[in-house]
């Protein structure tokens, strides 16, 4: 399995709607990655592997990616989060740490919790 050690300089990756596959583990050393779009790919694995990335955009809609949404607490500069139709679970209270969020999509996931958790995300335009 690739460990991603050679992707340390990666800043922007958009492979949406391709036949790309693989595990999220490849990004565990991508400490400069700010934009990730793997929408409608065959990627899978735990979103926790993104924790080291300073992401502003996470677009993983229609993938096999899963894990606890609490990982969002690691992304204080996050502005776009699209996890629709993924294996994500957990309490949306974790999103209180993402106050710069402008766009959020969690449909068809196992996210739960009180919508009031989003009250501090004053820039939110799309929900």
C-alpha atoms as a PDB file:
ATOM      1  CA  UNK A   1       0.000   0.000   0.000  1.00  0.00           C
ATOM      2  CA  UNK A   2       1.289   3.468  -0.861  1.00  0.00           C
ATOM      3  CA  UNK A   3       1.944   5.545   2.222  1.00  0.00           C
ATOM      4  CA  UNK A   4       1.714   8.956   0.532  1.00  0.00           C
ATOM      5  CA  UNK A   5       5.189  10.027   1.635  1.00  0.00           C
ATOM      6  CA  UNK A   6       5.857  11.331  -1.887  1.00  0.00           C
ATOM      7  CA  UNK A   7       2.775  13.610  -1.818  1.00  0.00           C
ATOM      8  CA  UNK A   8       4.041  16.009   0.846  1.00  0.00           C
ATOM      9  CA  UNK A   9       4.054  19.038  -1.484  1.00  0.00           C
ATOM     10  CA  UNK A  10       0.559  18.451  -2.905  1.00  0.00           C
ATOM     11  CA  UNK A  11      -1.689  21.502  -2.463  1.00  0.00           C
ATOM     12  CA  UNK A  12      -4.642  20.933  -4.822  1.00  0.00           C
ATOM     13  CA  UNK A  13      -6.171  17.689  -6.083  1.00  0.00           C
ATOM     14  CA  UNK A  14      -9.296  17.404  -8.230  1.00  0.00           C
ATOM     15  CA  UNK A  15     -10.053  13.935  -9.588  1.00  0.00           C
ATOM     16  CA  UNK A  16     -13.853  14.194  -9.455  1.00  0.00           C
ATOM     17  CA  UNK A  17     -15.941  11.887 -11.643  1.00  0.00           C
ATOM     18  CA  UNK A  18     -13.036   9.675 -12.643  1.00  0.00           C
ATOM     19  CA  UNK A  19     -12.381   5.980 -12.190  1.00  0.00           C
ATOM     20  CA  UNK A  20      -9.720   6.701  -9.565  1.00  0.00           C
ATOM     21  CA  UNK A  21      -9.670   4.317  -6.619  1.00  0.00           C
ATOM     22  CA  UNK A  22      -7.634   3.914  -3.471  1.00  0.00           C
ATOM     23  CA  UNK A  23      -7.502   4.495   0.251  1.00  0.00           C
ATOM     24  CA  UNK A  24      -7.488   7.854   2.046  1.00  0.00           C
ATOM     25  CA  UNK A  25      -4.333   6.729   3.831  1.00  0.00           C
ATOM     26  CA  UNK A  26      -2.341   8.075   0.885  1.00  0.00           C
ATOM     27  CA  UNK A  27      -2.988  11.635   2.173  1.00  0.00           C
ATOM     28  CA  UNK A  28      -1.697  11.149   5.718  1.00  0.00           C
ATOM     29  CA  UNK A  29       1.536  13.061   4.949  1.00  0.00           C
ATOM     30  CA  UNK A  30       0.035  15.707   2.633  1.00  0.00           C
ATOM     31  CA  UNK A  31       0.631  18.563   5.063  1.00  0.00           C
ATOM     32  CA  UNK A  32       0.121  21.271   2.418  1.00  0.00           C
ATOM     33  CA  UNK A  33      -3.100  19.961   0.851  1.00  0.00           C
ATOM     34  CA  UNK A  34      -5.765  22.700   0.900  1.00  0.00           C
ATOM     35  CA  UNK A  35      -8.217  21.472  -1.765  1.00  0.00           C
ATOM     36  CA  UNK A  36      -9.400  17.886  -2.201  1.00  0.00           C
ATOM     37  CA  UNK A  37     -12.126  16.829  -4.620  1.00  0.00           C
ATOM     38  CA  UNK A  38     -12.623  13.086  -5.049  1.00  0.00           C
ATOM     39  CA  UNK A  39     -16.355  13.298  -5.735  1.00  0.00           C
ATOM     40  CA  UNK A  40     -17.834  10.248  -7.481  1.00  0.00           C
ATOM     41  CA  UNK A  41     -14.614   8.244  -7.423  1.00  0.00           C
ATOM     42  CA  UNK A  42     -13.986   4.776  -6.079  1.00  0.00           C
ATOM     43  CA  UNK A  43     -11.927   6.018  -3.137  1.00  0.00           C
ATOM     44  CA  UNK A  44     -12.518   4.670   0.339  1.00  0.00           C
ATOM     45  CA  UNK A  45     -11.018   4.549   3.795  1.00  0.00           C
ATOM     46  CA  UNK A  46     -11.121   6.661   6.911  1.00  0.00           C
ATOM     47  CA  UNK A  47     -11.411  10.448   6.635  1.00  0.00           C
ATOM     48  CA  UNK A  48      -9.191  10.582   9.731  1.00  0.00           C
ATOM     49  CA  UNK A  49      -6.173  10.277   7.414  1.00  0.00           C
ATOM     50  CA  UNK A  50      -6.810  13.884   6.312  1.00  0.00           C
ATOM     51  CA  UNK A  51      -6.162  15.236   9.815  1.00  0.00           C
ATOM     52  CA  UNK A  52      -2.646  16.519   8.969  1.00  0.00           C
ATOM     53  CA  UNK A  53      -3.873  18.478   5.932  1.00  0.00           C
ATOM     54  CA  UNK A  54      -4.739  22.209   6.234  1.00  0.00           C
ATOM     55  CA  UNK A  55      -7.836  21.683   4.097  1.00  0.00           C
ATOM     56  CA  UNK A  56     -10.243  24.456   3.108  1.00  0.00           C
ATOM     57  CA  UNK A  57     -12.268  22.349   0.649  1.00  0.00           C
ATOM     58  CA  UNK A  58     -13.223  18.698   1.207  1.00  0.00           C
ATOM     59  CA  UNK A  59     -15.441  17.241  -1.504  1.00  0.00           C
ATOM     60  CA  UNK A  60     -15.943  13.501  -1.059  1.00  0.00           C
ATOM     61  CA  UNK A  61     -19.563  13.091  -2.187  1.00  0.00           C
ATOM     62  CA  UNK A  62     -20.477   9.671  -3.574  1.00  0.00           C
ATOM     63  CA  UNK A  63     -17.373   7.837  -2.342  1.00  0.00           C
ATOM     64  CA  UNK A  64     -16.741   4.956   0.036  1.00  0.00           C
ATOM     65  CA  UNK A  65     -15.000   7.249   2.532  1.00  0.00           C
ATOM     66  CA  UNK A  66     -16.133   6.882   6.126  1.00  0.00           C
ATOM     67  CA  UNK A  67     -15.223   7.809   9.649  1.00  0.00           C
ATOM     68  CA  UNK A  68     -16.320  10.134  12.399  1.00  0.00           C
ATOM     69  CA  UNK A  69     -17.249  13.685  11.452  1.00  0.00           C
ATOM     70  CA  UNK A  70     -15.366  14.915  14.532  1.00  0.00           C
ATOM     71  CA  UNK A  71     -12.281  15.038  12.286  1.00  0.00           C
ATOM     72  CA  UNK A  72     -13.709  18.376  11.062  1.00  0.00           C
ATOM     73  CA  UNK A  73     -12.342  19.910  14.266  1.00  0.00           C
ATOM     74  CA  UNK A  74      -8.873  19.576  12.701  1.00  0.00           C
ATOM     75  CA  UNK A  75      -9.826  22.011   9.898  1.00  0.00           C
ATOM     76  CA  UNK A  76     -10.434  25.492  11.381  1.00  0.00           C
ATOM     77  CA  UNK A  77     -10.103  27.115   7.920  1.00  0.00           C
ATOM     78  CA  UNK A  78     -12.584  24.770   6.234  1.00  0.00           C
ATOM     79  CA  UNK A  79     -15.022  26.625   3.949  1.00  0.00           C
ATOM     80  CA  UNK A  80     -16.569  23.768   1.914  1.00  0.00           C
ATOM     81  CA  UNK A  81     -17.493  20.328   3.215  1.00  0.00           C
ATOM     82  CA  UNK A  82     -19.405  17.895   1.010  1.00  0.00           C
ATOM     83  CA  UNK A  83     -19.713  14.414   2.472  1.00  0.00           C
ATOM     84  CA  UNK A  84     -23.086  13.536   0.957  1.00  0.00           C
ATOM     85  CA  UNK A  85     -23.643   9.841   0.306  1.00  0.00           C
ATOM     86  CA  UNK A  86     -20.563   8.661   2.202  1.00  0.00           C
ATOM     87  CA  UNK A  87     -20.062   6.401   5.219  1.00  0.00           C
ATOM     88  CA  UNK A  88     -19.523   9.370   7.571  1.00  0.00           C
ATOM     89  CA  UNK A  89     -21.084   9.176  11.040  1.00  0.00           C
ATOM     90  CA  UNK A  90     -21.043  11.080  14.303  1.00  0.00           C
ATOM     91  CA  UNK A  91     -22.377  14.182  16.002  1.00  0.00           C
ATOM     92  CA  UNK A  92     -22.501  17.426  14.009  1.00  0.00           C
ATOM     93  CA  UNK A  93     -21.546  19.236  17.208  1.00  0.00           C
ATOM     94  CA  UNK A  94     -17.986  18.734  15.950  1.00  0.00           C
ATOM     95  CA  UNK A  95     -18.724  21.331  13.264  1.00  0.00           C
ATOM     96  CA  UNK A  96     -18.745  24.109  15.874  1.00  0.00           C
ATOM     97  CA  UNK A  97     -14.991  24.345  15.279  1.00  0.00           C
ATOM     98  CA  UNK A  98     -15.507  25.129  11.567  1.00  0.00           C
ATOM     99  CA  UNK A  99     -16.741  28.691  11.899  1.00  0.00           C
ATOM    100  CA  UNK A 100     -15.593  29.676   8.373  1.00  0.00           C
ATOM    101  CA  UNK A 101     -17.808  27.072   6.728  1.00  0.00           C
ATOM    102  CA  UNK A 102     -19.768  28.445   3.747  1.00  0.00           C
ATOM    103  CA  UNK A 103     -21.120  25.225   2.254  1.00  0.00           C
ATOM    104  CA  UNK A 104     -22.102  22.007   4.027  1.00  0.00           C
ATOM    105  CA  UNK A 105     -23.652  18.847   2.600  1.00  0.00           C
ATOM    106  CA  UNK A 106     -24.209  15.804   4.823  1.00  0.00           C
ATOM    107  CA  UNK A 107     -27.232  14.193   3.140  1.00  0.00           C
ATOM    108  CA  UNK A 108     -27.367  10.386   3.023  1.00  0.00           C
ATOM    109  CA  UNK A 109     -24.852   9.935   5.861  1.00  0.00           C
ATOM    110  CA  UNK A 110     -25.161   8.785   9.461  1.00  0.00           C
ATOM    111  CA  UNK A 111     -24.430  12.248  10.860  1.00  0.00           C
ATOM    112  CA  UNK A 112     -26.676  13.168  13.788  1.00  0.00           C
ATOM    113  CA  UNK A 113     -27.108  15.863  16.398  1.00  0.00           C
ATOM    114  CA  UNK A 114     -28.682  19.232  17.055  1.00  0.00           C
ATOM    115  CA  UNK A 115     -28.780  21.706  14.159  1.00  0.00           C
ATOM    116  CA  UNK A 116     -28.009  24.418  16.750  1.00  0.00           C
ATOM    117  CA  UNK A 117     -24.394  23.232  16.559  1.00  0.00           C
ATOM    118  CA  UNK A 118     -24.137  25.250  13.339  1.00  0.00           C
ATOM    119  CA  UNK A 119     -25.172  28.581  14.866  1.00  0.00           C
ATOM    120  CA  UNK A 120     -21.552  29.786  15.116  1.00  0.00           C
ATOM    121  CA  UNK A 121     -20.900  29.163  11.412  1.00  0.00           C
ATOM    122  CA  UNK A 122     -22.142  32.623  10.477  1.00  0.00           C
ATOM    123  CA  UNK A 123     -20.762  32.461   6.904  1.00  0.00           C
ATOM    124  CA  UNK A 124     -22.830  29.393   6.036  1.00  0.00           C
ATOM    125  CA  UNK A 125     -24.582  29.988   2.694  1.00  0.00           C
ATOM    126  CA  UNK A 126     -25.540  26.439   1.640  1.00  0.00           C
ATOM    127  CA  UNK A 127     -26.880  23.710   3.872  1.00  0.00           C
END
